[in-house]
Amino acid sequence: MVADVEAVVEAFNDCINRADIDGLSRLMTDGHRFVDSAARIVSGKEACLSTWKEFFSAFPDYRNRFDRLIVGGDKVVIVDSSTCSDHRLAGPALWQATMSGHRVDEWRVFDDSPANRVALGISG
């Protein structure tokens, strides 16, 4: 089960890195939520897809790199960084995917801070 969850999360991120809206759609639940690092929430699959389209248009060179995935129940915590020519989106980051079966129910972005690492149960 852990390998399946990791594969879905990695596929979801691959879709982000390729700006693949159709792929994201296939991997999202209908009630999907996106929460950015400022705790702004976009709810619903269609609203999230629209937001991703706007994001990809504004930041075509944005990419996520994953160093470590930590699976615990229906949540996957991801550690590494993003790259982008816009410095606001580049640098260390943390993500948390909440799964529902083989789909991503929530994709949440966190600043990589000591407090967030503790809150997400990340050691090292």
Protein backbone atom coordinates (compact mmCIF):
# COMPACT_ATOMS: atom_id res chain seq x y z
CA MET A 1 0.00 0.00 0.00
CA VAL A 2 2.80 2.47 0.85
CA ALA A 3 4.39 1.97 -2.59
CA ASP A 4 1.01 2.64 -4.25
CA VAL A 5 0.49 5.85 -2.28
CA GLU A 6 4.03 7.03 -3.03
CA ALA A 7 3.50 6.28 -6.74
CA VAL A 8 0.31 8.37 -6.82
CA VAL A 9 1.99 11.30 -5.04
CA GLU A 10 4.99 11.12 -7.38
CA ALA A 11 2.65 10.97 -10.40
CA PHE A 12 0.74 13.98 -9.08
CA ASN A 13 3.97 15.93 -8.74
CA ASP A 14 5.09 14.82 -12.20
CA CYS A 15 1.86 16.32 -13.55
CA ILE A 16 2.64 19.58 -11.75
CA ASN A 17 6.16 19.61 -13.20
CA ARG A 18 4.79 19.01 -16.71
CA ALA A 19 1.81 21.40 -16.29
CA ASP A 20 -0.42 18.43 -17.13
CA ILE A 21 -3.97 19.51 -16.24
CA ASP A 22 -5.56 16.29 -17.53
CA GLY A 23 -3.19 14.19 -15.44
CA LEU A 24 -3.89 16.26 -12.34
CA SER A 25 -7.61 15.88 -12.96
CA ARG A 26 -7.32 12.09 -13.08
CA LEU A 27 -5.42 12.05 -9.78
CA MET A 28 -7.69 14.45 -7.83
CA THR A 29 -10.82 13.60 -5.90
CA ASP A 30 -13.94 15.59 -6.84
CA GLY A 31 -13.69 17.40 -3.49
CA HIS A 32 -9.96 18.09 -3.88
CA ARG A 33 -8.54 21.01 -1.88
CA PHE A 34 -5.37 22.98 -2.44
CA VAL A 35 -3.88 24.91 0.49
CA ASP A 36 -0.94 27.21 -0.16
CA SER A 37 1.78 28.19 2.30
CA ALA A 38 -0.24 31.24 3.38
CA ALA A 39 -3.16 28.90 4.27
CA ARG A 40 -5.33 30.14 1.37
CA ILE A 41 -7.71 27.36 0.33
CA VAL A 42 -9.11 26.46 -3.08
CA SER A 43 -11.88 23.85 -2.81
CA GLY A 44 -13.32 21.55 -5.46
CA LYS A 45 -11.68 19.81 -8.36
CA GLU A 46 -12.78 22.28 -11.05
CA ALA A 47 -11.71 25.31 -9.00
CA CYS A 48 -8.33 23.69 -8.31
CA LEU A 49 -7.79 22.85 -11.99
CA SER A 50 -8.60 26.43 -12.94
CA THR A 51 -6.13 27.67 -10.32
CA TRP A 52 -3.42 25.31 -11.61
CA LYS A 53 -3.99 26.54 -15.20
CA GLU A 54 -3.50 30.14 -14.06
CA PHE A 55 -0.44 29.15 -12.02
CA PHE A 56 1.21 27.29 -14.91
CA SER A 57 0.56 30.24 -17.21
CA ALA A 58 2.13 32.66 -14.72
CA PHE A 59 5.07 30.42 -13.71
CA PRO A 60 5.89 28.08 -16.63
CA ASP A 61 9.29 27.09 -15.24
CA TYR A 62 8.05 26.07 -11.76
CA ARG A 63 9.15 22.57 -10.72
CA ASN A 64 9.10 20.54 -7.49
CA ARG A 65 11.86 18.15 -6.48
CA PHE A 66 11.24 15.44 -3.91
CA ASP A 67 14.03 14.13 -1.69
CA ARG A 68 11.97 12.21 0.83
CA LEU A 69 8.40 10.91 1.14
CA ILE A 70 7.08 9.93 4.56
CA VAL A 71 3.87 7.91 4.51
CA GLY A 72 1.63 7.75 7.58
CA GLY A 73 -1.92 6.51 7.18
CA ASP A 74 -3.71 8.60 4.55
CA LYS A 75 -1.09 11.36 4.62
CA VAL A 76 2.20 11.70 2.76
CA VAL A 77 4.71 14.35 3.80
CA ILE A 78 7.20 15.39 1.16
CA VAL A 79 10.52 17.13 1.80
CA ASP A 80 12.72 18.99 -0.70
CA SER A 81 12.45 22.15 -2.78
CA SER A 82 10.96 23.99 -5.72
CA THR A 83 12.72 25.73 -8.56
CA CYS A 84 11.36 28.75 -10.39
CA SER A 85 12.72 31.93 -11.93
CA ASP A 86 10.42 33.80 -9.52
CA HIS A 87 12.39 33.76 -6.26
CA ARG A 88 9.16 33.71 -4.19
CA LEU A 89 8.50 30.16 -5.40
CA ALA A 90 12.05 28.83 -5.32
CA GLY A 91 13.76 27.12 -2.41
CA PRO A 92 13.13 24.57 0.30
CA ALA A 93 9.53 23.47 0.78
CA LEU A 94 7.37 20.88 2.45
CA TRP A 95 4.20 19.38 1.07
CA GLN A 96 1.50 17.18 2.51
CA ALA A 97 -0.81 15.08 0.39
CA THR A 98 -3.93 13.65 1.96
CA MET A 99 -5.05 10.60 0.07
CA SER A 100 -8.44 9.08 -0.59
CA GLY A 101 -7.81 5.68 -2.13
CA HIS A 102 -5.61 6.20 -5.16
CA ARG A 103 -6.40 9.89 -5.51
CA VAL A 104 -5.15 13.07 -3.87
CA ASP A 105 -7.85 14.66 -1.73
CA GLU A 106 -5.73 17.58 -0.52
CA TRP A 107 -2.41 19.08 -1.62
CA ARG A 108 -0.94 21.43 0.96
CA VAL A 109 2.26 23.50 0.74
CA PHE A 110 4.28 24.57 3.77
CA ASP A 111 7.31 26.77 4.20
CA ASP A 112 10.25 24.61 5.28
CA SER A 113 10.66 25.87 8.83
CA PRO A 114 11.63 24.12 12.06
CA ALA A 115 8.09 24.63 13.41
CA ASN A 116 6.49 23.09 10.32
CA ARG A 117 8.92 20.18 10.39
CA VAL A 118 7.93 19.47 14.00
CA ALA A 119 4.21 19.83 13.18
CA LEU A 120 4.56 17.41 10.26
CA GLY A 121 6.63 14.90 12.23
CA ILE A 122 9.80 15.30 10.18
CA SER A 123 13.08 14.44 11.85
CA GLY A 124 16.48 15.27 10.42
